[in-house]
Amino acid sequence: MIRIELTDRAHFDLQAIESYSIANFGEKVAEKYINDIEAALLLLQECPQLLKQKTNISDFFSFYRVRQHFLICTQIDNSIFVLSIKHVSMDIPNRIAELEPTLLLETQQLHKTLKLTKRLD
């Protein structure tokens, strides 16, 4: 089975989405939004093929849209790592270009850590 892991950045993004939603739309709407993201994560766990490459945005990452946000992911072996969560109103190609060097380093570190862990098992 596929595991879903959220990076620290993705956790921060999720908290920011919740705070923004509470402040602008109320707790009930915020709870629904967070529940929808959690449901999407469970769906990706069952059907990882739903992740889509968008080569016009990035050659390195996969994406999944949840309402008004994109989950920006990388898949390593049997794990999907959610690297960041960005609102669709953002200029996603430019935001990815800004984040890509850091996200690429994070992804490379994840690969190294997982390879090391496998060797130790």
PDB file of N, CA and C in Angstrom:
ATOM      1  N   MET A   1       0.839  -1.187   0.000  1.00  0.00           N
ATOM      2  CA  MET A   1       0.000   0.000   0.000  1.00  0.00           C
ATOM      3  C   MET A   1       0.880   1.246   0.000  1.00  0.00           C
ATOM      4  N   ILE A   2       0.407   2.265  -0.649  1.00  0.00           N
ATOM      5  CA  ILE A   2       1.107   3.542  -0.735  1.00  0.00           C
ATOM      6  C   ILE A   2       0.956   4.305   0.592  1.00  0.00           C
ATOM      7  N   ARG A   3       2.060   4.876   1.029  1.00  0.00           N
ATOM      8  CA  ARG A   3       2.037   5.742   2.215  1.00  0.00           C
ATOM      9  C   ARG A   3       2.012   7.190   1.748  1.00  0.00           C
ATOM     10  N   ILE A   4       1.310   8.017   2.510  1.00  0.00           N
ATOM     11  CA  ILE A   4       1.278   9.452   2.238  1.00  0.00           C
ATOM     12  C   ILE A   4       2.036  10.145   3.366  1.00  0.00           C
ATOM     13  N   GLU A   5       2.996  10.971   2.981  1.00  0.00           N
ATOM     14  CA  GLU A   5       3.777  11.729   3.954  1.00  0.00           C
ATOM     15  C   GLU A   5       3.690  13.203   3.602  1.00  0.00           C
ATOM     16  N   LEU A   6       3.487  14.046   4.595  1.00  0.00           N
ATOM     17  CA  LEU A   6       3.505  15.484   4.386  1.00  0.00           C
ATOM     18  C   LEU A   6       4.814  16.046   4.929  1.00  0.00           C
ATOM     19  N   THR A   7       5.476  16.879   4.134  1.00  0.00           N
ATOM     20  CA  THR A   7       6.685  17.536   4.602  1.00  0.00           C
ATOM     21  C   THR A   7       6.300  18.636   5.591  1.00  0.00           C
ATOM     22  N   ASP A   8       7.285  19.173   6.265  1.00  0.00           N
ATOM     23  CA  ASP A   8       7.016  20.289   7.183  1.00  0.00           C
ATOM     24  C   ASP A   8       6.375  21.447   6.446  1.00  0.00           C
ATOM     25  N   ARG A   9       6.847  21.722   5.234  1.00  0.00           N
ATOM     26  CA  ARG A   9       6.281  22.813   4.426  1.00  0.00           C
ATOM     27  C   ARG A   9       4.800  22.547   4.150  1.00  0.00           C
ATOM     28  N   ALA A  10       4.449  21.315   3.806  1.00  0.00           N
ATOM     29  CA  ALA A  10       3.057  20.974   3.519  1.00  0.00           C
ATOM     30  C   ALA A  10       2.192  21.110   4.770  1.00  0.00           C
ATOM     31  N   HIS A  11       2.728  20.707   5.935  1.00  0.00           N
ATOM     32  CA  HIS A  11       1.991  20.907   7.194  1.00  0.00           C
ATOM     33  C   HIS A  11       1.760  22.390   7.446  1.00  0.00           C
ATOM     34  N   PHE A  12       2.777  23.199   7.219  1.00  0.00           N
ATOM     35  CA  PHE A  12       2.646  24.649   7.393  1.00  0.00           C
ATOM     36  C   PHE A  12       1.593  25.200   6.436  1.00  0.00           C
ATOM     37  N   ASP A  13       1.641  24.761   5.170  1.00  0.00           N
ATOM     38  CA  ASP A  13       0.651  25.204   4.176  1.00  0.00           C
ATOM     39  C   ASP A  13      -0.760  24.835   4.621  1.00  0.00           C
ATOM     40  N   LEU A  14      -0.924  23.629   5.130  1.00  0.00           N
ATOM     41  CA  LEU A  14      -2.236  23.164   5.591  1.00  0.00           C
ATOM     42  C   LEU A  14      -2.745  24.018   6.756  1.00  0.00           C
ATOM     43  N   GLN A  15      -1.865  24.338   7.694  1.00  0.00           N
ATOM     44  CA  GLN A  15      -2.248  25.207   8.814  1.00  0.00           C
ATOM     45  C   GLN A  15      -2.625  26.603   8.315  1.00  0.00           C
ATOM     46  N   ALA A  16      -1.879  27.111   7.340  1.00  0.00           N
ATOM     47  CA  ALA A  16      -2.179  28.434   6.784  1.00  0.00           C
ATOM     48  C   ALA A  16      -3.530  28.427   6.070  1.00  0.00           C
ATOM     49  N   ILE A  17      -3.815  27.352   5.344  1.00  0.00           N
ATOM     50  CA  ILE A  17      -5.105  27.228   4.659  1.00  0.00           C
ATOM     51  C   ILE A  17      -6.235  27.215   5.678  1.00  0.00           C
ATOM     52  N   GLU A  18      -6.061  26.457   6.750  1.00  0.00           N
ATOM     53  CA  GLU A  18      -7.083  26.388   7.785  1.00  0.00           C
ATOM     54  C   GLU A  18      -7.280  27.744   8.446  1.00  0.00           C
ATOM     55  N   SER A  19      -6.215  28.413   8.812  1.00  0.00           N
ATOM     56  CA  SER A  19      -6.315  29.729   9.465  1.00  0.00           C
ATOM     57  C   SER A  19      -6.984  30.750   8.551  1.00  0.00           C
ATOM     58  N   TYR A  20      -6.571  30.780   7.297  1.00  0.00           N
ATOM     59  CA  TYR A  20      -7.158  31.706   6.335  1.00  0.00           C
ATOM     60  C   TYR A  20      -8.648  31.420   6.160  1.00  0.00           C
ATOM     61  N   SER A  21      -8.989  30.142   6.032  1.00  0.00           N
ATOM     62  CA  SER A  21     -10.395  29.765   5.833  1.00  0.00           C
ATOM     63  C   SER A  21     -11.251  30.134   7.041  1.00  0.00           C
ATOM     64  N   ILE A  22     -10.725  29.910   8.245  1.00  0.00           N
ATOM     65  CA  ILE A  22     -11.472  30.283   9.454  1.00  0.00           C
ATOM     66  C   ILE A  22     -11.694  31.790   9.480  1.00  0.00           C
ATOM     67  N   ALA A  23     -10.637  32.551   9.221  1.00  0.00           N
ATOM     68  CA  ALA A  23     -10.728  34.013   9.288  1.00  0.00           C
ATOM     69  C   ALA A  23     -11.660  34.590   8.235  1.00  0.00           C
ATOM     70  N   ASN A  24     -11.708  33.978   7.050  1.00  0.00           N
ATOM     71  CA  ASN A  24     -12.478  34.548   5.950  1.00  0.00           C
ATOM     72  C   ASN A  24     -13.822  33.896   5.697  1.00  0.00           C
ATOM     73  N   PHE A  25     -13.980  32.635   6.111  1.00  0.00           N
ATOM     74  CA  PHE A  25     -15.211  31.920   5.783  1.00  0.00           C
ATOM     75  C   PHE A  25     -15.865  31.239   6.964  1.00  0.00           C
ATOM     76  N   GLY A  26     -15.180  31.184   8.101  1.00  0.00           N
ATOM     77  CA  GLY A  26     -15.739  30.566   9.288  1.00  0.00           C
ATOM     78  C   GLY A  26     -15.227  29.149   9.506  1.00  0.00           C
ATOM     79  N   GLU A  27     -15.422  28.679  10.735  1.00  0.00           N
ATOM     80  CA  GLU A  27     -14.887  27.365  11.123  1.00  0.00           C
ATOM     81  C   GLU A  27     -15.513  26.210  10.360  1.00  0.00           C
ATOM     82  N   LYS A  28     -16.801  26.295  10.096  1.00  0.00           N
ATOM     83  CA  LYS A  28     -17.481  25.196   9.401  1.00  0.00           C
ATOM     84  C   LYS A  28     -16.925  25.007   7.994  1.00  0.00           C
ATOM     85  N   VAL A  29     -16.735  26.090   7.284  1.00  0.00           N
ATOM     86  CA  VAL A  29     -16.176  26.020   5.920  1.00  0.00           C
ATOM     87  C   VAL A  29     -14.727  25.532   5.974  1.00  0.00           C
ATOM     88  N   ALA A  30     -13.963  26.037   6.941  1.00  0.00           N
ATOM     89  CA  ALA A  30     -12.566  25.617   7.086  1.00  0.00           C
ATOM     90  C   ALA A  30     -12.484  24.120   7.359  1.00  0.00           C
ATOM     91  N   GLU A  31     -13.336  23.634   8.227  1.00  0.00           N
ATOM     92  CA  GLU A  31     -13.346  22.200   8.547  1.00  0.00           C
ATOM     93  C   GLU A  31     -13.669  21.376   7.310  1.00  0.00           C
ATOM     94  N   LYS A  32     -14.627  21.815   6.517  1.00  0.00           N
ATOM     95  CA  LYS A  32     -14.997  21.115   5.280  1.00  0.00           C
ATOM     96  C   LYS A  32     -13.817  21.095   4.310  1.00  0.00           C
ATOM     97  N   TYR A  33     -13.132  22.220   4.198  1.00  0.00           N
ATOM     98  CA  TYR A  33     -12.000  22.310   3.283  1.00  0.00           C
ATOM     99  C   TYR A  33     -10.885  21.356   3.706  1.00  0.00           C
ATOM    100  N   ILE A  34     -10.540  21.363   4.979  1.00  0.00           N
ATOM    101  CA  ILE A  34      -9.486  20.478   5.483  1.00  0.00           C
ATOM    102  C   ILE A  34      -9.908  19.013   5.321  1.00  0.00           C
ATOM    103  N   ASN A  35     -11.176  18.718   5.594  1.00  0.00           N
ATOM    104  CA  ASN A  35     -11.675  17.350   5.396  1.00  0.00           C
ATOM    105  C   ASN A  35     -11.559  16.921   3.931  1.00  0.00           C
ATOM    106  N   ASP A  36     -11.808  17.848   3.010  1.00  0.00           N
ATOM    107  CA  ASP A  36     -11.685  17.525   1.583  1.00  0.00           C
ATOM    108  C   ASP A  36     -10.232  17.216   1.212  1.00  0.00           C
ATOM    109  N   ILE A  37      -9.298  17.966   1.785  1.00  0.00           N
ATOM    110  CA  ILE A  37      -7.881  17.701   1.521  1.00  0.00           C
ATOM    111  C   ILE A  37      -7.495  16.349   2.097  1.00  0.00           C
ATOM    112  N   GLU A  38      -7.943  16.058   3.316  1.00  0.00           N
ATOM    113  CA  GLU A  38      -7.646  14.756   3.923  1.00  0.00           C
ATOM    114  C   GLU A  38      -8.248  13.614   3.108  1.00  0.00           C
ATOM    115  N   ALA A  39      -9.468  13.804   2.596  1.00  0.00           N
ATOM    116  CA  ALA A  39     -10.099  12.781   1.755  1.00  0.00           C
ATOM    117  C   ALA A  39      -9.298  12.584   0.468  1.00  0.00           C
ATOM    118  N   ALA A  40      -8.779  13.664  -0.093  1.00  0.00           N
ATOM    119  CA  ALA A  40      -7.962  13.561  -1.301  1.00  0.00           C
ATOM    120  C   ALA A  40      -6.679  12.778  -1.028  1.00  0.00           C
ATOM    121  N   LEU A  41      -6.091  12.979   0.134  1.00  0.00           N
ATOM    122  CA  LEU A  41      -4.888  12.238   0.499  1.00  0.00           C
ATOM    123  C   LEU A  41      -5.181  10.745   0.604  1.00  0.00           C
ATOM    124  N   LEU A  42      -6.312  10.398   1.184  1.00  0.00           N
ATOM    125  CA  LEU A  42      -6.707   8.987   1.267  1.00  0.00           C
ATOM    126  C   LEU A  42      -6.970   8.410  -0.122  1.00  0.00           C
ATOM    127  N   LEU A  43      -7.574   9.206  -0.978  1.00  0.00           N
ATOM    128  CA  LEU A  43      -7.840   8.762  -2.347  1.00  0.00           C
ATOM    129  C   LEU A  43      -6.525   8.513  -3.093  1.00  0.00           C
ATOM    130  N   LEU A  44      -5.556   9.414  -2.926  1.00  0.00           N
ATOM    131  CA  LEU A  44      -4.249   9.227  -3.563  1.00  0.00           C
ATOM    132  C   LEU A  44      -3.539   7.992  -3.026  1.00  0.00           C
ATOM    133  N   GLN A  45      -3.773   7.695  -1.767  1.00  0.00           N
ATOM    134  CA  GLN A  45      -3.178   6.500  -1.170  1.00  0.00           C
ATOM    135  C   GLN A  45      -3.705   5.248  -1.881  1.00  0.00           C
ATOM    136  N   GLU A  46      -4.976   5.257  -2.207  1.00  0.00           N
ATOM    137  CA  GLU A  46      -5.593   4.120  -2.884  1.00  0.00           C
ATOM    138  C   GLU A  46      -5.350   4.133  -4.395  1.00  0.00           C
ATOM    139  N   CYS A  47      -5.250   5.326  -4.965  1.00  0.00           N
ATOM    140  CA  CYS A  47      -5.122   5.462  -6.425  1.00  0.00           C
ATOM    141  C   CYS A  47      -4.021   6.474  -6.764  1.00  0.00           C
ATOM    142  N   PRO A  48      -2.767   6.105  -6.561  1.00  0.00           N
ATOM    143  CA  PRO A  48      -1.689   7.064  -6.808  1.00  0.00           C
ATOM    144  C   PRO A  48      -1.591   7.522  -8.263  1.00  0.00           C
ATOM    145  N   GLN A  49      -2.187   6.758  -9.168  1.00  0.00           N
ATOM    146  CA  GLN A  49      -2.160   7.134 -10.573  1.00  0.00           C
ATOM    147  C   GLN A  49      -2.966   8.409 -10.844  1.00  0.00           C
ATOM    148  N   LEU A  50      -3.715   8.879  -9.856  1.00  0.00           N
ATOM    149  CA  LEU A  50      -4.447  10.132 -10.012  1.00  0.00           C
ATOM    150  C   LEU A  50      -3.517  11.348 -10.011  1.00  0.00           C
ATOM    151  N   LEU A  51      -2.308  11.175  -9.479  1.00  0.00           N
ATOM    152  CA  LEU A  51      -1.322  12.256  -9.558  1.00  0.00           C
ATOM    153  C   LEU A  51      -1.003  12.511 -11.021  1.00  0.00           C
ATOM    154  N   LYS A  52      -0.927  13.769 -11.400  1.00  0.00           N
ATOM    155  CA  LYS A  52      -0.703  14.118 -12.798  1.00  0.00           C
ATOM    156  C   LYS A  52       0.593  14.905 -12.963  1.00  0.00           C
ATOM    157  N   GLN A  53       1.328  14.545 -14.004  1.00  0.00           N
ATOM    158  CA  GLN A  53       2.487  15.334 -14.406  1.00  0.00           C
ATOM    159  C   GLN A  53       1.960  16.522 -15.192  1.00  0.00           C
ATOM    160  N   LYS A  54       2.485  17.665 -14.938  1.00  0.00           N
ATOM    161  CA  LYS A  54       2.145  18.864 -15.711  1.00  0.00           C
ATOM    162  C   LYS A  54       3.458  19.460 -16.191  1.00  0.00           C
ATOM    163  N   THR A  55       3.920  18.960 -17.335  1.00  0.00           N
ATOM    164  CA  THR A  55       5.236  19.357 -17.811  1.00  0.00           C
ATOM    165  C   THR A  55       5.308  20.846 -18.135  1.00  0.00           C
ATOM    166  N   ASN A  56       4.152  21.487 -18.350  1.00  0.00           N
ATOM    167  CA  ASN A  56       4.171  22.932 -18.560  1.00  0.00           C
ATOM    168  C   ASN A  56       4.452  23.677 -17.253  1.00  0.00           C
ATOM    169  N   ILE A  57       4.344  22.973 -16.125  1.00  0.00           N
ATOM    170  CA  ILE A  57       4.635  23.570 -14.816  1.00  0.00           C
ATOM    171  C   ILE A  57       5.976  23.066 -14.292  1.00  0.00           C
ATOM    172  N   SER A  58       6.181  21.755 -14.296  1.00  0.00           N
ATOM    173  CA  SER A  58       7.424  21.180 -13.787  1.00  0.00           C
ATOM    174  C   SER A  58       7.594  19.761 -14.319  1.00  0.00           C
ATOM    175  N   ASP A  59       8.834  19.421 -14.612  1.00  0.00           N
ATOM    176  CA  ASP A  59       9.144  18.062 -15.040  1.00  0.00           C
ATOM    177  C   ASP A  59       9.393  17.144 -13.859  1.00  0.00           C
ATOM    178  N   PHE A  60       9.511  17.701 -12.658  1.00  0.00           N
ATOM    179  CA  PHE A  60       9.975  16.946 -11.504  1.00  0.00           C
ATOM    180  C   PHE A  60       8.886  16.534 -10.523  1.00  0.00           C
ATOM    181  N   PHE A  61       7.754  17.215 -10.561  1.00  0.00           N
ATOM    182  CA  PHE A  61       6.741  16.990  -9.543  1.00  0.00           C
ATOM    183  C   PHE A  61       5.411  16.589 -10.164  1.00  0.00           C
ATOM    184  N   SER A  62       4.574  15.961  -9.334  1.00  0.00           N
ATOM    185  CA  SER A  62       3.223  15.582  -9.738  1.00  0.00           C
ATOM    186  C   SER A  62       2.236  16.442  -8.961  1.00  0.00           C
ATOM    187  N   PHE A  63       1.038  16.553  -9.499  1.00  0.00           N
ATOM    188  CA  PHE A  63       0.050  17.455  -8.926  1.00  0.00           C
ATOM    189  C   PHE A  63      -1.301  16.758  -8.781  1.00  0.00           C
ATOM    190  N   TYR A  64      -2.036  17.212  -7.790  1.00  0.00           N
ATOM    191  CA  TYR A  64      -3.416  16.768  -7.635  1.00  0.00           C
ATOM    192  C   TYR A  64      -4.212  17.957  -7.130  1.00  0.00           C
ATOM    193  N   ARG A  65      -5.313  18.257  -7.814  1.00  0.00           N
ATOM    194  CA  ARG A  65      -6.129  19.413  -7.436  1.00  0.00           C
ATOM    195  C   ARG A  65      -7.196  18.995  -6.447  1.00  0.00           C
ATOM    196  N   VAL A  66      -7.292  19.780  -5.366  1.00  0.00           N
ATOM    197  CA  VAL A  66      -8.346  19.619  -4.362  1.00  0.00           C
ATOM    198  C   VAL A  66      -9.018  20.981  -4.236  1.00  0.00           C
ATOM    199  N   ARG A  67     -10.228  21.052  -4.727  1.00  0.00           N
ATOM    200  CA  ARG A  67     -10.981  22.301  -4.723  1.00  0.00           C
ATOM    201  C   ARG A  67     -10.123  23.417  -5.306  1.00  0.00           C
ATOM    202  N   GLN A  68      -9.694  24.366  -4.498  1.00  0.00           N
ATOM    203  CA  GLN A  68      -8.940  25.518  -4.999  1.00  0.00           C
ATOM    204  C   GLN A  68      -7.438  25.434  -4.724  1.00  0.00           C
ATOM    205  N   HIS A  69      -6.943  24.217  -4.458  1.00  0.00           N
ATOM    206  CA  HIS A  69      -5.517  24.050  -4.167  1.00  0.00           C
ATOM    207  C   HIS A  69      -4.922  22.892  -4.967  1.00  0.00           C
ATOM    208  N   PHE A  70      -3.645  23.003  -5.222  1.00  0.00           N
ATOM    209  CA  PHE A  70      -2.883  21.907  -5.801  1.00  0.00           C
ATOM    210  C   PHE A  70      -2.000  21.293  -4.735  1.00  0.00           C
ATOM    211  N   LEU A  71      -2.032  19.975  -4.631  1.00  0.00           N
ATOM    212  CA  LEU A  71      -1.052  19.251  -3.838  1.00  0.00           C
ATOM    213  C   LEU A  71       0.139  19.038  -4.768  1.00  0.00           C
ATOM    214  N   ILE A  72       1.302  19.462  -4.339  1.00  0.00           N
ATOM    215  CA  ILE A  72       2.526  19.305  -5.127  1.00  0.00           C
ATOM    216  C   ILE A  72       3.293  18.155  -4.499  1.00  0.00           C
ATOM    217  N   CYS A  73       3.510  17.096  -5.282  1.00  0.00           N
ATOM    218  CA  CYS A  73       3.992  15.839  -4.717  1.00  0.00           C
ATOM    219  C   CYS A  73       5.176  15.272  -5.483  1.00  0.00           C
ATOM    220  N   THR A  74       5.831  14.335  -4.831  1.00  0.00           N
ATOM    221  CA  THR A  74       6.800  13.461  -5.478  1.00  0.00           C
ATOM    222  C   THR A  74       6.545  12.059  -4.957  1.00  0.00           C
ATOM    223  N   GLN A  75       6.722  11.087  -5.826  1.00  0.00           N
ATOM    224  CA  GLN A  75       6.513   9.707  -5.409  1.00  0.00           C
ATOM    225  C   GLN A  75       7.856   9.000  -5.382  1.00  0.00           C
ATOM    226  N   ILE A  76       8.142   8.365  -4.264  1.00  0.00           N
ATOM    227  CA  ILE A  76       9.368   7.600  -4.088  1.00  0.00           C
ATOM    228  C   ILE A  76       8.959   6.217  -3.615  1.00  0.00           C
ATOM    229  N   ASP A  77       9.247   5.236  -4.449  1.00  0.00           N
ATOM    230  CA  ASP A  77       8.882   3.855  -4.147  1.00  0.00           C
ATOM    231  C   ASP A  77       7.400   3.782  -3.795  1.00  0.00           C
ATOM    232  N   ASN A  78       7.075   3.334  -2.605  1.00  0.00           N
ATOM    233  CA  ASN A  78       5.677   3.187  -2.185  1.00  0.00           C
ATOM    234  C   ASN A  78       5.199   4.332  -1.316  1.00  0.00           C
ATOM    235  N   SER A  79       5.797   5.494  -1.493  1.00  0.00           N
ATOM    236  CA  SER A  79       5.392   6.668  -0.711  1.00  0.00           C
ATOM    237  C   SER A  79       5.158   7.855  -1.623  1.00  0.00           C
ATOM    238  N   ILE A  80       4.109   8.593  -1.305  1.00  0.00           N
ATOM    239  CA  ILE A  80       3.859   9.880  -1.947  1.00  0.00           C
ATOM    240  C   ILE A  80       4.157  10.938  -0.896  1.00  0.00           C
ATOM    241  N   PHE A  81       5.052  11.843  -1.244  1.00  0.00           N
ATOM    242  CA  PHE A  81       5.392  12.948  -0.353  1.00  0.00           C
ATOM    243  C   PHE A  81       4.724  14.211  -0.869  1.00  0.00           C
ATOM    244  N   VAL A  82       3.883  14.806  -0.029  1.00  0.00           N
ATOM    245  CA  VAL A  82       3.278  16.085  -0.361  1.00  0.00           C
ATOM    246  C   VAL A  82       4.292  17.138   0.066  1.00  0.00           C
ATOM    247  N   LEU A  83       4.825  17.846  -0.917  1.00  0.00           N
ATOM    248  CA  LEU A  83       5.891  18.806  -0.667  1.00  0.00           C
ATOM    249  C   LEU A  83       5.355  20.175  -0.305  1.00  0.00           C
ATOM    250  N   SER A  84       4.234  20.553  -0.932  1.00  0.00           N
ATOM    251  CA  SER A  84       3.644  21.865  -0.694  1.00  0.00           C
ATOM    252  C   SER A  84       2.201  21.839  -1.171  1.00  0.00           C
ATOM    253  N   ILE A  85       1.423  22.805  -0.708  1.00  0.00           N
ATOM    254  CA  ILE A  85       0.019  22.937  -1.116  1.00  0.00           C
ATOM    255  C   ILE A  85      -0.180  24.396  -1.499  1.00  0.00           C
ATOM    256  N   LYS A  86      -0.528  24.651  -2.751  1.00  0.00           N
ATOM    257  CA  LYS A  86      -0.636  26.024  -3.249  1.00  0.00           C
ATOM    258  C   LYS A  86      -2.009  26.282  -3.844  1.00  0.00           C
ATOM    259  N   HIS A  87      -2.506  27.498  -3.628  1.00  0.00           N
ATOM    260  CA  HIS A  87      -3.804  27.920  -4.152  1.00  0.00           C
ATOM    261  C   HIS A  87      -3.719  28.095  -5.666  1.00  0.00           C
ATOM    262  N   VAL A  88      -4.790  27.733  -6.363  1.00  0.00           N
ATOM    263  CA  VAL A  88      -4.802  27.810  -7.824  1.00  0.00           C
ATOM    264  C   VAL A  88      -4.717  29.251  -8.323  1.00  0.00           C
ATOM    265  N   SER A  89      -5.090  30.223  -7.500  1.00  0.00           N
ATOM    266  CA  SER A  89      -5.029  31.618  -7.942  1.00  0.00           C
ATOM    267  C   SER A  89      -3.589  32.115  -8.033  1.00  0.00           C
ATOM    268  N   MET A  90      -2.672  31.390  -7.382  1.00  0.00           N
ATOM    269  CA  MET A  90      -1.262  31.760  -7.496  1.00  0.00           C
ATOM    270  C   MET A  90      -0.803  31.424  -8.905  1.00  0.00           C
ATOM    271  N   ASP A  91       0.182  32.107  -9.355  1.00  0.00           N
ATOM    272  CA  ASP A  91       0.791  31.781 -10.637  1.00  0.00           C
ATOM    273  C   ASP A  91       1.637  30.529 -10.407  1.00  0.00           C
ATOM    274  N   ILE A  92       0.992  29.371 -10.529  1.00  0.00           N
ATOM    275  CA  ILE A  92       1.627  28.098 -10.163  1.00  0.00           C
ATOM    276  C   ILE A  92       2.955  27.876 -10.899  1.00  0.00           C
ATOM    277  N   PRO A  93       3.026  28.077 -12.207  1.00  0.00           N
ATOM    278  CA  PRO A  93       4.330  27.863 -12.843  1.00  0.00           C
ATOM    279  C   PRO A  93       5.445  28.726 -12.243  1.00  0.00           C
ATOM    280  N   ASN A  94       5.152  29.995 -11.968  1.00  0.00           N
ATOM    281  CA  ASN A  94       6.177  30.859 -11.376  1.00  0.00           C
ATOM    282  C   ASN A  94       6.473  30.485  -9.930  1.00  0.00           C
ATOM    283  N   ARG A  95       5.437  30.123  -9.169  1.00  0.00           N
ATOM    284  CA  ARG A  95       5.661  29.703  -7.772  1.00  0.00           C
ATOM    285  C   ARG A  95       6.500  28.432  -7.727  1.00  0.00           C
ATOM    286  N   ILE A  96       6.223  27.500  -8.625  1.00  0.00           N
ATOM    287  CA  ILE A  96       7.014  26.270  -8.677  1.00  0.00           C
ATOM    288  C   ILE A  96       8.453  26.608  -9.068  1.00  0.00           C
ATOM    289  N   ALA A  97       8.611  27.499 -10.043  1.00  0.00           N
ATOM    290  CA  ALA A  97       9.968  27.889 -10.445  1.00  0.00           C
ATOM    291  C   ALA A  97      10.730  28.485  -9.270  1.00  0.00           C
ATOM    292  N   GLU A  98      10.036  29.280  -8.437  1.00  0.00           N
ATOM    293  CA  GLU A  98      10.673  29.866  -7.250  1.00  0.00           C
ATOM    294  C   GLU A  98      11.014  28.789  -6.222  1.00  0.00           C
ATOM    295  N   LEU A  99      10.094  27.840  -6.031  1.00  0.00           N
ATOM    296  CA  LEU A  99      10.273  26.800  -5.023  1.00  0.00           C
ATOM    297  C   LEU A  99      11.138  25.637  -5.503  1.00  0.00           C
ATOM    298  N   GLU A 100      11.227  25.463  -6.824  1.00  0.00           N
ATOM    299  CA  GLU A 100      11.809  24.247  -7.364  1.00  0.00           C
ATOM    300  C   GLU A 100      13.214  23.933  -6.844  1.00  0.00           C
ATOM    301  N   PRO A 101      14.133  24.895  -6.784  1.00  0.00           N
ATOM    302  CA  PRO A 101      15.461  24.512  -6.265  1.00  0.00           C
ATOM    303  C   PRO A 101      15.386  23.920  -4.852  1.00  0.00           C
ATOM    304  N   THR A 102      14.597  24.515  -3.998  1.00  0.00           N
ATOM    305  CA  THR A 102      14.452  24.012  -2.631  1.00  0.00           C
ATOM    306  C   THR A 102      13.706  22.689  -2.617  1.00  0.00           C
ATOM    307  N   LEU A 103      12.635  22.605  -3.386  1.00  0.00           N
ATOM    308  CA  LEU A 103      11.867  21.358  -3.436  1.00  0.00           C
ATOM    309  C   LEU A 103      12.704  20.227  -4.021  1.00  0.00           C
ATOM    310  N   LEU A 104      13.516  20.539  -5.009  1.00  0.00           N
ATOM    311  CA  LEU A 104      14.383  19.506  -5.581  1.00  0.00           C
ATOM    312  C   LEU A 104      15.384  19.008  -4.539  1.00  0.00           C
ATOM    313  N   LEU A 105      15.951  19.919  -3.770  1.00  0.00           N
ATOM    314  CA  LEU A 105      16.875  19.513  -2.705  1.00  0.00           C
ATOM    315  C   LEU A 105      16.165  18.660  -1.662  1.00  0.00           C
ATOM    316  N   GLU A 106      14.953  19.065  -1.284  1.00  0.00           N
ATOM    317  CA  GLU A 106      14.181  18.287  -0.314  1.00  0.00           C
ATOM    318  C   GLU A 106      13.899  16.888  -0.862  1.00  0.00           C
ATOM    319  N   THR A 107      13.542  16.810  -2.131  1.00  0.00           N
ATOM    320  CA  THR A 107      13.246  15.521  -2.754  1.00  0.00           C
ATOM    321  C   THR A 107      14.494  14.648  -2.800  1.00  0.00           C
ATOM    322  N   GLN A 108      15.624  15.239  -3.175  1.00  0.00           N
ATOM    323  CA  GLN A 108      16.877  14.478  -3.197  1.00  0.00           C
ATOM    324  C   GLN A 108      17.217  13.959  -1.802  1.00  0.00           C
ATOM    325  N   GLN A 109      17.000  14.783  -0.791  1.00  0.00           N
ATOM    326  CA  GLN A 109      17.277  14.356   0.588  1.00  0.00           C
ATOM    327  C   GLN A 109      16.338  13.220   1.003  1.00  0.00           C
ATOM    328  N   LEU A 110      15.086  13.311   0.598  1.00  0.00           N
ATOM    329  CA  LEU A 110      14.144  12.228   0.885  1.00  0.00           C
ATOM    330  C   LEU A 110      14.610  10.923   0.244  1.00  0.00           C
ATOM    331  N   HIS A 111      15.056  11.008  -1.010  1.00  0.00           N
ATOM    332  CA  HIS A 111      15.561   9.814  -1.697  1.00  0.00           C
ATOM    333  C   HIS A 111      16.746   9.220  -0.944  1.00  0.00           C
ATOM    334  N   LYS A 112      17.689  10.061  -0.556  1.00  0.00           N
ATOM    335  CA  LYS A 112      18.874   9.582   0.163  1.00  0.00           C
ATOM    336  C   LYS A 112      18.491   8.944   1.492  1.00  0.00           C
ATOM    337  N   THR A 113      17.606   9.595   2.226  1.00  0.00           N
ATOM    338  CA  THR A 113      17.183   9.082   3.528  1.00  0.00           C
ATOM    339  C   THR A 113      16.501   7.727   3.377  1.00  0.00           C
ATOM    340  N   LEU A 114      15.626   7.612   2.383  1.00  0.00           N
ATOM    341  CA  LEU A 114      14.927   6.344   2.170  1.00  0.00           C
ATOM    342  C   LEU A 114      15.881   5.240   1.743  1.00  0.00           C
ATOM    343  N   LYS A 115      16.836   5.557   0.898  1.00  0.00           N
ATOM    344  CA  LYS A 115      17.826   4.550   0.491  1.00  0.00           C
ATOM    345  C   LYS A 115      18.651   4.090   1.689  1.00  0.00           C
ATOM    346  N   LEU A 116      19.056   5.020   2.536  1.00  0.00           N
ATOM    347  CA  LEU A 116      19.826   4.687   3.725  1.00  0.00           C
ATOM    348  C   LEU A 116      18.998   3.812   4.665  1.00  0.00           C
ATOM    349  N   THR A 117      17.741   4.173   4.847  1.00  0.00           N
ATOM    350  CA  THR A 117      16.842   3.405   5.713  1.00  0.00           C
ATOM    351  C   THR A 117      16.693   1.980   5.188  1.00  0.00           C
ATOM    352  N   LYS A 118      16.541   1.829   3.865  1.00  0.00           N
ATOM    353  CA  LYS A 118      16.399   0.485   3.281  1.00  0.00           C
ATOM    354  C   LYS A 118      17.642  -0.347   3.512  1.00  0.00           C
ATOM    355  N   ARG A 119      18.818   0.280   3.408  1.00  0.00           N
ATOM    356  CA  ARG A 119      20.066  -0.460   3.639  1.00  0.00           C
ATOM    357  C   ARG A 119      20.191  -0.913   5.086  1.00  0.00           C
ATOM    358  N   LEU A 120      19.660  -0.111   6.007  1.00  0.00           N
ATOM    359  CA  LEU A 120      19.754  -0.450   7.427  1.00  0.00           C
ATOM    360  C   LEU A 120      18.759  -1.527   7.832  1.00  0.00           C
ATOM    361  N   ASP A 121      17.701  -1.695   7.047  1.00  0.00           N
ATOM    362  CA  ASP A 121      16.678  -2.707   7.382  1.00  0.00           C
ATOM    363  C   ASP A 121      17.157  -4.083   7.202  1.00  0.00           C
TER     364      ASP A 121
END
